[in-house]
C-alpha atoms as a PDB file:
ATOM      1  CA  MET A   1       0.071   0.267  -0.014  1.00  0.00           C
ATOM      2  CA  PRO A   2       1.486   3.428  -1.121  1.00  0.00           C
ATOM      3  CA  LEU A   3       2.520   5.735   1.763  1.00  0.00           C
ATOM      4  CA  THR A   4       0.667   8.996   2.094  1.00  0.00           C
ATOM      5  CA  ILE A   5       0.244  11.567   4.775  1.00  0.00           C
ATOM      6  CA  THR A   6      -3.345  10.476   5.706  1.00  0.00           C
ATOM      7  CA  ARG A   7      -1.787   6.887   6.238  1.00  0.00           C
ATOM      8  CA  LEU A   8       0.847   8.451   8.305  1.00  0.00           C
ATOM      9  CA  GLN A   9      -1.324  10.410  10.284  1.00  0.00           C
ATOM     10  CA  ALA A  10      -3.581   7.367  11.016  1.00  0.00           C
ATOM     11  CA  ALA A  11      -0.520   5.485  12.308  1.00  0.00           C
ATOM     12  CA  LEU A  12       0.222   8.350  14.812  1.00  0.00           C
ATOM     13  CA  SER A  13      -3.370   9.420  15.565  1.00  0.00           C
ATOM     14  CA  HIS A  14      -2.704   9.212  19.313  1.00  0.00           C
ATOM     15  CA  CYS A  15      -0.485  11.909  19.054  1.00  0.00           C
ATOM     16  CA  TRP A  16      -1.558  13.667  15.685  1.00  0.00           C
ATOM     17  CA  PRO A  17      -5.384  13.739  16.139  1.00  0.00           C
ATOM     18  CA  GLN A  18      -6.402  16.466  13.649  1.00  0.00           C
ATOM     19  CA  LEU A  19      -6.594  15.331  10.096  1.00  0.00           C
ATOM     20  CA  PRO A  20      -3.949  16.377   7.590  1.00  0.00           C
ATOM     21  CA  PRO A  21      -4.729  19.734   5.349  1.00  0.00           C
ATOM     22  CA  PRO A  22      -6.833  18.858   2.234  1.00  0.00           C
ATOM     23  CA  GLU A  23      -3.494  20.266   0.018  1.00  0.00           C
ATOM     24  CA  LEU A  24      -1.227  17.249   2.002  1.00  0.00           C
ATOM     25  CA  ALA A  25      -3.891  14.828   2.506  1.00  0.00           C
ATOM     26  CA  HIS A  26      -3.218  12.160  -0.436  1.00  0.00           C
ATOM     27  CA  ALA A  27       0.245  13.527  -0.976  1.00  0.00           C
ATOM     28  CA  ALA A  28       2.569  10.274  -1.673  1.00  0.00           C
ATOM     29  CA  VAL A  29       5.401  10.068   0.790  1.00  0.00           C
ATOM     30  CA  ARG A  30       8.655   8.516  -0.960  1.00  0.00           C
ATOM     31  CA  GLN A  31      10.109   7.738   2.604  1.00  0.00           C
ATOM     32  CA  LEU A  32      10.477   8.637   6.095  1.00  0.00           C
ATOM     33  CA  VAL A  33      14.090   9.930   6.663  1.00  0.00           C
ATOM     34  CA  LEU A  34      15.971  10.541  10.036  1.00  0.00           C
ATOM     35  CA  ASP A  35      19.184  12.267   8.438  1.00  0.00           C
ATOM     36  CA  SER A  36      18.490  15.719   6.741  1.00  0.00           C
ATOM     37  CA  ARG A  37      21.610  14.930   4.571  1.00  0.00           C
ATOM     38  CA  HIS A  38      19.592  12.368   2.628  1.00  0.00           C
ATOM     39  CA  VAL A  39      16.250  14.000   2.115  1.00  0.00           C
ATOM     40  CA  GLN A  40      15.013  14.356  -1.179  1.00  0.00           C
ATOM     41  CA  THR A  41      11.906  15.688  -2.835  1.00  0.00           C
ATOM     42  CA  GLY A  42       8.530  13.973  -1.374  1.00  0.00           C
ATOM     43  CA  ASP A  43      10.246  12.782   1.762  1.00  0.00           C
ATOM     44  CA  VAL A  44       8.915  13.251   5.116  1.00  0.00           C
ATOM     45  CA  PHE A  45      11.806  14.244   7.334  1.00  0.00           C
ATOM     46  CA  VAL A  46      11.427  13.094  10.964  1.00  0.00           C
ATOM     47  CA  ALA A  47      13.388  15.292  13.310  1.00  0.00           C
ATOM     48  CA  VAL A  48      14.271  13.976  16.858  1.00  0.00           C
ATOM     49  CA  PRO A  49      17.270  14.156  19.015  1.00  0.00           C
ATOM     50  CA  GLY A  50      19.607  11.443  18.878  1.00  0.00           C
ATOM     51  CA  VAL A  51      22.749  10.503  20.621  1.00  0.00           C
ATOM     52  CA  SER A  52      25.362  12.195  18.408  1.00  0.00           C
ATOM     53  CA  GLY A  53      22.887  15.103  17.088  1.00  0.00           C
ATOM     54  CA  ASP A  54      19.774  16.625  17.322  1.00  0.00           C
ATOM     55  CA  GLY A  55      17.527  16.378  13.816  1.00  0.00           C
ATOM     56  CA  ARG A  56      15.504  19.431  14.878  1.00  0.00           C
ATOM     57  CA  ALA A  57      18.596  21.731  14.301  1.00  0.00           C
ATOM     58  CA  HIS A  58      18.245  20.608  10.683  1.00  0.00           C
ATOM     59  CA  VAL A  59      14.576  21.428   9.671  1.00  0.00           C
ATOM     60  CA  ALA A  60      15.673  24.223   7.211  1.00  0.00           C
ATOM     61  CA  GLU A  61      17.861  22.254   5.255  1.00  0.00           C
ATOM     62  CA  ALA A  62      15.303  19.286   4.956  1.00  0.00           C
ATOM     63  CA  LEU A  63      12.731  21.859   3.807  1.00  0.00           C
ATOM     64  CA  ALA A  64      15.369  23.539   1.072  1.00  0.00           C
ATOM     65  CA  ALA A  65      16.086  19.591   0.003  1.00  0.00           C
ATOM     66  CA  GLY A  66      12.317  18.985  -0.596  1.00  0.00           C
ATOM     67  CA  ALA A  67      10.881  17.606   2.367  1.00  0.00           C
ATOM     68  CA  LEU A  68       6.918  17.282   1.841  1.00  0.00           C
ATOM     69  CA  LEU A  69       6.723  17.460   5.602  1.00  0.00           C
ATOM     70  CA  VAL A  70       8.690  17.861   8.919  1.00  0.00           C
ATOM     71  CA  LEU A  71       7.469  15.836  12.079  1.00  0.00           C
ATOM     72  CA  TYR A  72       9.023  17.348  14.812  1.00  0.00           C
ATOM     73  CA  HIS A  73       9.679  15.913  18.167  1.00  0.00           C
ATOM     74  CA  LEU A  74       8.318  17.700  21.178  1.00  0.00           C
ATOM     75  CA  GLU A  75       9.273  17.280  24.894  1.00  0.00           C
ATOM     76  CA  PRO A  76       6.445  17.600  27.403  1.00  0.00           C
ATOM     77  CA  GLY A  77       5.348  20.927  27.919  1.00  0.00           C
ATOM     78  CA  GLU A  78       7.296  22.128  24.871  1.00  0.00           C
ATOM     79  CA  ALA A  79       6.002  24.116  21.689  1.00  0.00           C
ATOM     80  CA  LEU A  80       7.023  24.149  18.364  1.00  0.00           C
ATOM     81  CA  PRO A  81       9.373  27.085  17.570  1.00  0.00           C
ATOM     82  CA  ALA A  82       7.673  30.100  16.407  1.00  0.00           C
ATOM     83  CA  ALA A  83       9.722  30.401  13.275  1.00  0.00           C
ATOM     84  CA  MET A  84       8.086  27.159  12.126  1.00  0.00           C
ATOM     85  CA  LEU A  85       4.442  27.867  12.922  1.00  0.00           C
ATOM     86  CA  ARG A  86       3.895  28.902   9.175  1.00  0.00           C
ATOM     87  CA  GLN A  87       5.765  25.936   7.632  1.00  0.00           C
ATOM     88  CA  PRO A  88       5.152  22.388   6.674  1.00  0.00           C
ATOM     89  CA  VAL A  89       6.291  21.400  10.378  1.00  0.00           C
ATOM     90  CA  LEU A  90       4.044  19.525  12.699  1.00  0.00           C
ATOM     91  CA  GLY A  91       5.113  19.123  16.461  1.00  0.00           C
ATOM     92  CA  LEU A  92       4.317  15.692  17.828  1.00  0.00           C
ATOM     93  CA  PRO A  93       4.715  14.848  21.610  1.00  0.00           C
ATOM     94  CA  PHE A  94       6.747  12.091  22.391  1.00  0.00           C
ATOM     95  CA  LEU A  95       7.860  11.163  18.672  1.00  0.00           C
ATOM     96  CA  ARG A  96      11.120   9.902  18.934  1.00  0.00           C
ATOM     97  CA  GLN A  97       9.665   7.255  21.404  1.00  0.00           C
ATOM     98  CA  ARG A  98       7.104   6.113  18.962  1.00  0.00           C
ATOM     99  CA  LEU A  99       9.303   5.605  15.936  1.00  0.00           C
ATOM    100  CA  GLY A 100       9.110   2.135  16.657  1.00  0.00           C
ATOM    101  CA  GLU A 101       5.463   1.535  16.682  1.00  0.00           C
ATOM    102  CA  LEU A 102       5.207   3.783  13.683  1.00  0.00           C
ATOM    103  CA  GLY A 103       7.441   1.801  11.739  1.00  0.00           C
ATOM    104  CA  ARG A 104       5.634  -1.606  12.775  1.00  0.00           C
ATOM    105  CA  GLU A 105       2.401  -0.027  11.351  1.00  0.00           C
ATOM    106  CA  LEU A 106       3.482   1.719   8.357  1.00  0.00           C
ATOM    107  CA  TYR A 107       5.671  -1.394   7.088  1.00  0.00           C
ATOM    108  CA  ALA A 108       3.276  -4.038   8.065  1.00  0.00           C
ATOM    109  CA  VAL A 109       5.306  -6.115  10.476  1.00  0.00           C
ATOM    110  CA  PRO A 110       3.056  -9.223  11.234  1.00  0.00           C
ATOM    111  CA  ASP A 111       2.869 -10.606  14.807  1.00  0.00           C
ATOM    112  CA  THR A 112       2.841 -13.848  13.373  1.00  0.00           C
ATOM    113  CA  GLN A 113       6.462 -13.522  12.544  1.00  0.00           C
ATOM    114  CA  GLU A 114       8.776 -15.270  14.924  1.00  0.00           C
ATOM    115  CA  LEU A 115      11.648 -12.934  15.949  1.00  0.00           C
ATOM    116  CA  ILE A 116      14.700 -14.391  18.160  1.00  0.00           C
ATOM    117  CA  GLY A 117      16.537 -11.725  19.905  1.00  0.00           C
ATOM    118  CA  VAL A 118      20.722 -12.462  20.621  1.00  0.00           C
ATOM    119  CA  THR A 119      22.624 -10.386  23.039  1.00  0.00           C
ATOM    120  CA  GLY A 120      26.139 -10.967  24.750  1.00  0.00           C
ATOM    121  CA  THR A 121      29.588  -9.588  24.200  1.00  0.00           C
ATOM    122  CA  ASN A 122      30.889 -12.323  21.774  1.00  0.00           C
ATOM    123  CA  GLY A 123      29.197 -14.749  19.393  1.00  0.00           C
ATOM    124  CA  LYS A 124      26.013 -12.754  18.456  1.00  0.00           C
ATOM    125  CA  SER A 125      26.806 -12.654  14.766  1.00  0.00           C
ATOM    126  CA  SER A 126      27.574 -16.437  14.677  1.00  0.00           C
ATOM    127  CA  VAL A 127      24.552 -17.621  16.584  1.00  0.00           C
ATOM    128  CA  THR A 128      21.961 -15.429  14.593  1.00  0.00           C
ATOM    129  CA  HIS A 129      23.760 -16.865  11.353  1.00  0.00           C
ATOM    130  CA  TYR A 130      23.371 -20.284  12.769  1.00  0.00           C
ATOM    131  CA  ILE A 131      20.109 -19.997  13.610  1.00  0.00           C
ATOM    132  CA  ALA A 132      18.934 -18.722  10.116  1.00  0.00           C
ATOM    133  CA  ALA A 133      21.048 -21.466   8.174  1.00  0.00           C
ATOM    134  CA  LEU A 134      19.662 -24.266  10.789  1.00  0.00           C
ATOM    135  CA  SER A 135      16.156 -22.917  10.184  1.00  0.00           C
ATOM    136  CA  SER A 136      16.538 -22.748   6.214  1.00  0.00           C
ATOM    137  CA  ALA A 137      17.971 -26.160   6.410  1.00  0.00           C
ATOM    138  CA  LEU A 138      15.032 -27.384   8.087  1.00  0.00           C
ATOM    139  CA  ASN A 139      12.712 -25.784   5.316  1.00  0.00           C
ATOM    140  CA  CYS A 140      11.809 -22.797   7.370  1.00  0.00           C
ATOM    141  CA  GLU A 141      12.396 -19.430   5.586  1.00  0.00           C
ATOM    142  CA  ALA A 142      14.676 -17.338   7.679  1.00  0.00           C
ATOM    143  CA  GLY A 143      16.543 -13.975   7.555  1.00  0.00           C
ATOM    144  CA  LEU A 144      18.738 -12.207  10.124  1.00  0.00           C
ATOM    145  CA  ILE A 145      19.505  -8.676  11.353  1.00  0.00           C
ATOM    146  CA  GLY A 146      22.898  -7.929  12.697  1.00  0.00           C
ATOM    147  CA  THR A 147      26.599  -6.759  12.222  1.00  0.00           C
ATOM    148  CA  LEU A 148      26.920  -8.777   8.877  1.00  0.00           C
ATOM    149  CA  GLY A 149      23.869  -6.986   7.549  1.00  0.00           C
ATOM    150  CA  VAL A 150      20.093  -7.563   6.988  1.00  0.00           C
ATOM    151  CA  GLY A 151      18.354 -10.387   5.023  1.00  0.00           C
ATOM    152  CA  ARG A 152      18.801 -14.340   4.072  1.00  0.00           C
ATOM    153  CA  PRO A 153      21.992 -15.876   4.702  1.00  0.00           C
ATOM    154  CA  GLY A 154      24.288 -15.410   1.559  1.00  0.00           C
ATOM    155  CA  SER A 155      22.423 -12.484   0.458  1.00  0.00           C
ATOM    156  CA  LEU A 156      22.810  -9.265   3.448  1.00  0.00           C
ATOM    157  CA  GLU A 157      22.617  -5.735   3.004  1.00  0.00           C
ATOM    158  CA  ASP A 158      24.762  -3.932   4.975  1.00  0.00           C
ATOM    159  CA  THR A 159      23.120  -1.310   7.849  1.00  0.00           C
ATOM    160  CA  GLY A 160      26.400  -0.223   9.395  1.00  0.00           C
ATOM    161  CA  LEU A 161      24.835  -0.857  12.942  1.00  0.00           C
ATOM    162  CA  THR A 162      24.519  -4.306  14.672  1.00  0.00           C
ATOM    163  CA  THR A 163      20.950  -3.304  15.798  1.00  0.00           C
ATOM    164  CA  PRO A 164      19.430  -1.073  13.242  1.00  0.00           C
ATOM    165  CA  GLY A 165      17.548   2.302  14.401  1.00  0.00           C
ATOM    166  CA  PRO A 166      13.665   1.683  15.141  1.00  0.00           C
ATOM    167  CA  LEU A 167      12.358   2.876  11.856  1.00  0.00           C
ATOM    168  CA  SER A 168      15.074   1.180   9.912  1.00  0.00           C
ATOM    169  CA  LEU A 169      14.425  -2.147  11.811  1.00  0.00           C
ATOM    170  CA  GLN A 170      10.571  -2.407  11.413  1.00  0.00           C
ATOM    171  CA  GLN A 171      11.126  -1.613   7.615  1.00  0.00           C
ATOM    172  CA  ALA A 172      13.595  -4.536   7.714  1.00  0.00           C
ATOM    173  CA  LEU A 173      11.173  -6.654   9.463  1.00  0.00           C
ATOM    174  CA  GLY A 174       8.277  -5.735   7.321  1.00  0.00           C
ATOM    175  CA  GLY A 175      10.323  -6.327   3.824  1.00  0.00           C
ATOM    176  CA  MET A 176      11.382  -9.800   5.330  1.00  0.00           C
ATOM    177  CA  ALA A 177       7.899 -10.939   5.904  1.00  0.00           C
ATOM    178  CA  ALA A 178       6.494  -9.550   2.559  1.00  0.00           C
ATOM    179  CA  ALA A 179       9.406 -11.773   1.201  1.00  0.00           C
ATOM    180  CA  GLY A 180       7.978 -14.791   2.785  1.00  0.00           C
ATOM    181  CA  ILE A 181      10.471 -15.154   5.772  1.00  0.00           C
ATOM    182  CA  GLN A 182       8.832 -16.170   8.727  1.00  0.00           C
ATOM    183  CA  ARG A 183      11.486 -16.400  11.418  1.00  0.00           C
ATOM    184  CA  VAL A 184      14.395 -13.388  12.107  1.00  0.00           C
ATOM    185  CA  ALA A 185      17.048 -13.977  14.284  1.00  0.00           C
ATOM    186  CA  MET A 186      18.286 -10.290  15.552  1.00  0.00           C
ATOM    187  CA  GLU A 187      21.846  -9.422  17.197  1.00  0.00           C
ATOM    188  CA  VAL A 188      20.327  -7.026  20.185  1.00  0.00           C
ATOM    189  CA  SER A 189      23.201  -4.481  21.238  1.00  0.00           C
ATOM    190  CA  SER A 190      23.440  -3.014  24.830  1.00  0.00           C
ATOM    191  CA  HIS A 191      23.117   0.381  22.978  1.00  0.00           C
ATOM    192  CA  ALA A 192      19.664  -0.620  21.284  1.00  0.00           C
ATOM    193  CA  LEU A 193      18.261  -1.793  24.335  1.00  0.00           C
ATOM    194  CA  GLU A 194      19.300   1.118  26.380  1.00  0.00           C
ATOM    195  CA  GLN A 195      17.962   3.380  23.375  1.00  0.00           C
ATOM    196  CA  GLY A 196      14.693   1.843  22.819  1.00  0.00           C
ATOM    197  CA  ARG A 197      15.514   0.843  19.020  1.00  0.00           C
ATOM    198  CA  ILE A 198      13.562  -2.605  19.628  1.00  0.00           C
ATOM    199  CA  ASP A 199      10.958  -1.568  21.971  1.00  0.00           C
ATOM    200  CA  ALA A 200       8.189  -2.128  19.109  1.00  0.00           C
ATOM    201  CA  CYS A 201       9.485  -5.414  18.232  1.00  0.00           C
ATOM    202  CA  GLN A 202       7.547  -8.617  19.630  1.00  0.00           C
ATOM    203  CA  ILE A 203      10.628 -10.779  20.479  1.00  0.00           C
ATOM    204  CA  THR A 204       9.486 -14.220  21.401  1.00  0.00           C
ATOM    205  CA  ALA A 205      12.617 -15.724  22.306  1.00  0.00           C
ATOM    206  CA  ALA A 206      15.872 -14.285  23.636  1.00  0.00           C
ATOM    207  CA  VAL A 207      19.582 -15.698  23.652  1.00  0.00           C
ATOM    208  CA  PHE A 208      22.283 -14.853  25.801  1.00  0.00           C
ATOM    209  CA  THR A 209      25.815 -15.659  24.664  1.00  0.00           C
ATOM    210  CA  ASN A 210      28.403 -14.196  27.375  1.00  0.00           C
ATOM    211  CA  LEU A 211      29.623 -11.119  28.905  1.00  0.00           C
ATOM    212  CA  SER A 212      33.056  -9.759  29.204  1.00  0.00           C
ATOM    213  CA  ARG A 213      34.351  -6.071  29.359  1.00  0.00           C
ATOM    214  CA  ASP A 214      33.165  -3.622  26.602  1.00  0.00           C
ATOM    215  CA  HIS A 215      31.376  -0.573  25.994  1.00  0.00           C
ATOM    216  CA  LEU A 216      32.461   0.625  29.310  1.00  0.00           C
ATOM    217  CA  ASP A 217      32.610   4.372  27.736  1.00  0.00           C
ATOM    218  CA  TYR A 218      28.807   4.241  27.278  1.00  0.00           C
ATOM    219  CA  HIS A 219      27.618   2.517  30.429  1.00  0.00           C
ATOM    220  CA  GLY A 220      29.995   3.184  32.703  1.00  0.00           C
ATOM    221  CA  SER A 221      30.560  -0.011  34.461  1.00  0.00           C
ATOM    222  CA  MET A 222      30.166  -3.756  34.186  1.00  0.00           C
ATOM    223  CA  ALA A 223      27.062  -3.634  36.493  1.00  0.00           C
ATOM    224  CA  ALA A 224      25.038  -1.062  34.113  1.00  0.00           C
ATOM    225  CA  TYR A 225      26.344  -3.155  31.036  1.00  0.00           C
ATOM    226  CA  ALA A 226      25.097  -6.301  32.318  1.00  0.00           C
ATOM    227  CA  ALA A 227      21.636  -4.415  33.555  1.00  0.00           C
ATOM    228  CA  ALA A 228      21.304  -3.117  29.706  1.00  0.00           C
ATOM    229  CA  LYS A 229      21.616  -6.657  28.423  1.00  0.00           C
ATOM    230  CA  ALA A 230      19.333  -8.263  31.015  1.00  0.00           C
ATOM    231  CA  ARG A 231      16.504  -5.853  29.833  1.00  0.00           C
ATOM    232  CA  LEU A 232      16.101  -8.193  26.740  1.00  0.00           C
ATOM    233  CA  PHE A 233      14.811 -10.776  29.218  1.00  0.00           C
ATOM    234  CA  ARG A 234      12.481  -8.732  30.842  1.00  0.00           C
ATOM    235  CA  ARG A 235      10.282  -8.149  27.871  1.00  0.00           C
ATOM    236  CA  SER A 236       6.540  -9.229  28.589  1.00  0.00           C
ATOM    237  CA  GLU A 237       5.750 -11.118  25.361  1.00  0.00           C
ATOM    238  CA  LEU A 238       8.760 -13.368  25.686  1.00  0.00           C
ATOM    239  CA  LYS A 239       8.114 -17.428  25.222  1.00  0.00           C
ATOM    240  CA  LEU A 240      11.731 -18.706  25.604  1.00  0.00           C
ATOM    241  CA  ALA A 241      15.021 -17.918  27.063  1.00  0.00           C
ATOM    242  CA  VAL A 242      18.445 -19.595  26.111  1.00  0.00           C
ATOM    243  CA  VAL A 243      21.507 -19.144  27.729  1.00  0.00           C
ATOM    244  CA  ASN A 244      25.079 -20.001  28.193  1.00  0.00           C
ATOM    245  CA  ALA A 245      25.046 -21.614  31.377  1.00  0.00           C
ATOM    246  CA  ASP A 246      28.590 -21.487  31.852  1.00  0.00           C
ATOM    247  CA  ASP A 247      28.752 -17.711  32.059  1.00  0.00           C
ATOM    248  CA  PRO A 248      28.447 -16.318  35.629  1.00  0.00           C
ATOM    249  CA  LEU A 249      25.978 -13.593  34.450  1.00  0.00           C
ATOM    250  CA  ALA A 250      23.328 -16.060  32.976  1.00  0.00           C
ATOM    251  CA  ARG A 251      21.391 -16.120  36.369  1.00  0.00           C
ATOM    252  CA  LEU A 252      21.158 -12.353  35.982  1.00  0.00           C
ATOM    253  CA  MET A 253      19.640 -12.497  32.660  1.00  0.00           C
ATOM    254  CA  LEU A 254      17.257 -15.110  33.928  1.00  0.00           C
ATOM    255  CA  ALA A 255      16.059 -12.946  37.227  1.00  0.00           C
ATOM    256  CA  GLY A 256      12.649 -11.687  36.647  1.00  0.00           C
ATOM    257  CA  LEU A 257      11.664 -13.568  33.682  1.00  0.00           C
ATOM    258  CA  ALA A 258       7.883 -13.352  32.893  1.00  0.00           C
ATOM    259  CA  GLU A 259       5.554 -15.911  34.335  1.00  0.00           C
ATOM    260  CA  GLY A 260       5.724 -19.082  31.952  1.00  0.00           C
ATOM    261  CA  VAL A 261       8.832 -18.315  30.238  1.00  0.00           C
ATOM    262  CA  ARG A 262      10.672 -21.489  28.904  1.00  0.00           C
ATOM    263  CA  VAL A 263      14.254 -21.807  29.891  1.00  0.00           C
ATOM    264  CA  LEU A 264      16.925 -23.924  28.154  1.00  0.00           C
ATOM    265  CA  ALA A 265      20.597 -23.735  28.845  1.00  0.00           C
ATOM    266  CA  VAL A 266      23.904 -24.830  26.820  1.00  0.00           C
ATOM    267  CA  GLY A 267      27.086 -25.723  28.311  1.00  0.00           C
ATOM    268  CA  ASP A 268      29.262 -27.816  30.660  1.00  0.00           C
ATOM    269  CA  ASP A 269      26.909 -27.039  33.708  1.00  0.00           C
ATOM    270  CA  SER A 270      25.152 -30.066  34.992  1.00  0.00           C
ATOM    271  CA  ALA A 271      21.787 -28.141  34.970  1.00  0.00           C
ATOM    272  CA  ALA A 272      22.278 -27.587  31.102  1.00  0.00           C
ATOM    273  CA  THR A 273      19.648 -28.565  28.651  1.00  0.00           C
ATOM    274  CA  LEU A 274      22.301 -29.312  26.212  1.00  0.00           C
ATOM    275  CA  ARG A 275      25.240 -30.460  28.177  1.00  0.00           C
ATOM    276  CA  VAL A 276      28.732 -31.171  26.587  1.00  0.00           C
ATOM    277  CA  LEU A 277      30.075 -34.460  27.932  1.00  0.00           C
ATOM    278  CA  ASP A 278      33.101 -34.627  25.671  1.00  0.00           C
ATOM    279  CA  CYS A 279      34.400 -32.667  22.871  1.00  0.00           C
ATOM    280  CA  ARG A 280      37.676 -33.412  20.844  1.00  0.00           C
ATOM    281  CA  PRO A 281      39.534 -32.635  17.325  1.00  0.00           C
ATOM    282  CA  SER A 282      38.298 -34.698  14.479  1.00  0.00           C
ATOM    283  CA  ARG A 283      39.710 -34.610  10.755  1.00  0.00           C
ATOM    284  CA  SER A 284      36.628 -32.084   9.568  1.00  0.00           C
ATOM    285  CA  GLY A 285      36.754 -30.028  12.867  1.00  0.00           C
ATOM    286  CA  GLN A 286      35.427 -31.516  15.985  1.00  0.00           C
ATOM    287  CA  LEU A 287      33.404 -34.228  17.484  1.00  0.00           C
ATOM    288  CA  ALA A 288      31.492 -33.637  20.475  1.00  0.00           C
ATOM    289  CA  LEU A 289      29.051 -35.770  22.656  1.00  0.00           C
ATOM    290  CA  VAL A 290      25.991 -33.883  24.030  1.00  0.00           C
ATOM    291  CA  ALA A 291      23.617 -34.606  26.585  1.00  0.00           C
ATOM    292  CA  THR A 292      20.056 -33.758  25.660  1.00  0.00           C
ATOM    293  CA  PRO A 293      16.389 -34.084  26.778  1.00  0.00           C
ATOM    294  CA  GLU A 294      16.332 -37.066  24.061  1.00  0.00           C
ATOM    295  CA  GLY A 295      19.617 -38.967  25.400  1.00  0.00           C
ATOM    296  CA  GLU A 296      23.006 -38.630  24.526  1.00  0.00           C
ATOM    297  CA  LEU A 297      23.886 -37.425  20.882  1.00  0.00           C
ATOM    298  CA  ALA A 298      27.088 -37.091  18.765  1.00  0.00           C
ATOM    299  CA  LEU A 299      27.866 -33.881  16.976  1.00  0.00           C
ATOM    300  CA  GLU A 300      30.581 -34.083  14.584  1.00  0.00           C
ATOM    301  CA  LEU A 301      30.860 -30.285  13.738  1.00  0.00           C
ATOM    302  CA  PRO A 302      32.857 -29.021  10.591  1.00  0.00           C
ATOM    303  CA  LEU A 303      34.108 -26.074  12.735  1.00  0.00           C
ATOM    304  CA  MET A 304      37.212 -25.693  14.622  1.00  0.00           C
ATOM    305  CA  GLY A 305      37.132 -24.286  18.175  1.00  0.00           C
ATOM    306  CA  ARG A 306      34.999 -24.737  21.527  1.00  0.00           C
ATOM    307  CA  PHE A 307      33.483 -21.312  20.957  1.00  0.00           C
ATOM    308  CA  ASN A 308      31.990 -22.429  17.750  1.00  0.00           C
ATOM    309  CA  LEU A 309      30.598 -25.443  19.420  1.00  0.00           C
ATOM    310  CA  ASP A 310      29.042 -23.436  22.172  1.00  0.00           C
ATOM    311  CA  ASN A 311      27.361 -20.956  19.459  1.00  0.00           C
ATOM    312  CA  VAL A 312      25.885 -23.810  17.578  1.00  0.00           C
ATOM    313  CA  LEU A 313      24.678 -25.170  20.534  1.00  0.00           C
ATOM    314  CA  LEU A 314      22.900 -21.985  21.631  1.00  0.00           C
ATOM    315  CA  ALA A 315      21.377 -21.913  18.090  1.00  0.00           C
ATOM    316  CA  ILE A 316      20.199 -25.710  18.422  1.00  0.00           C
ATOM    317  CA  ALA A 317      18.685 -24.965  21.579  1.00  0.00           C
ATOM    318  CA  THR A 318      16.702 -21.931  20.600  1.00  0.00           C
ATOM    319  CA  LEU A 319      15.320 -23.748  17.807  1.00  0.00           C
ATOM    320  CA  TYR A 320      14.733 -26.942  19.660  1.00  0.00           C
ATOM    321  CA  GLY A 321      12.653 -24.576  21.928  1.00  0.00           C
ATOM    322  CA  CYS A 322      10.456 -23.291  18.737  1.00  0.00           C
ATOM    323  CA  GLY A 323       9.629 -26.554  18.013  1.00  0.00           C
ATOM    324  CA  GLU A 324      12.188 -28.087  16.014  1.00  0.00           C
ATOM    325  CA  SER A 325      13.649 -31.620  16.201  1.00  0.00           C
ATOM    326  CA  LEU A 326      16.664 -32.250  18.087  1.00  0.00           C
ATOM    327  CA  GLU A 327      17.859 -35.156  15.430  1.00  0.00           C
ATOM    328  CA  ALA A 328      17.017 -33.014  12.666  1.00  0.00           C
ATOM    329  CA  LEU A 329      19.009 -29.761  14.130  1.00  0.00           C
ATOM    330  CA  PHE A 330      22.128 -32.007  14.983  1.00  0.00           C
ATOM    331  CA  ALA A 331      22.014 -33.489  11.447  1.00  0.00           C
ATOM    332  CA  ALA A 332      21.810 -30.223   9.895  1.00  0.00           C
ATOM    333  CA  ALA A 333      24.707 -28.945  12.003  1.00  0.00           C
ATOM    334  CA  GLU A 334      26.967 -31.251  10.487  1.00  0.00           C
ATOM    335  CA  ARG A 335      26.460 -29.613   7.409  1.00  0.00           C
ATOM    336  CA  LEU A 336      26.959 -26.244   8.351  1.00  0.00           C
END
């Protein structure tokens, strides 16, 4: 469905109750743009404050570049600057916080899409790739979002961010849904969690890889960094939590889970759902013996390194929790 000003107003009706003026109502919108340097004729410029700059300082540049309309973020009690009252600039309260839900509505992201969030210091890219690759091997159309890009494994488009901004993220999810992708594995950075980039997402499964010292310039302390990561596991819509049981902070991730969330764990810990009993090098990579809910299973993985085994097992545990067969997952992992 083409994007028009009327459709845009309908998606923001809770903070934009008045109908758009007749001369704009049915105007076609080329796209929504957050960076004034990328505005072209027919775009709507979304002027919101960001981490490294404030889009509201660049309204004049956006209008000069041909913006059809500017949506301007207002803080509580703030009014639109007088200089903008006679221009096609609309002040909307809490606009920045509503970008995700706006994108979800405009890009028709279905609630039926299975979205898996993966967080941790290391291993996010590998785990998301393995989830998508194993899903595809089991005839479930799958995609990924993360450092490697957005799309299907082997056909990724670079975004420049581990977790895209709220509008770009919803656009990516909507595009994948339109392309028939049923399951999406998404890297979730601590920055994205802190900045609310995924607030409008419906994440059904959360995965924790590990935590080590990183991003302390942003978070200030390891405690704050860990708390940011744990936010992924506090979501009310969550159905499944998968953790690396060997990481000391796995318990923090699981503390405060919503009632009814299923928990699966991977590692050497005796309580792990998938517990590594033995691991040794093989001619093609490594051979592992894993205790599972369905008995002991051998896994001949064509990848070197214990970290690769851990990441593959996290992906297997996640998909097992999503209803896939363990036997089929182990067989598919041997072809990675």
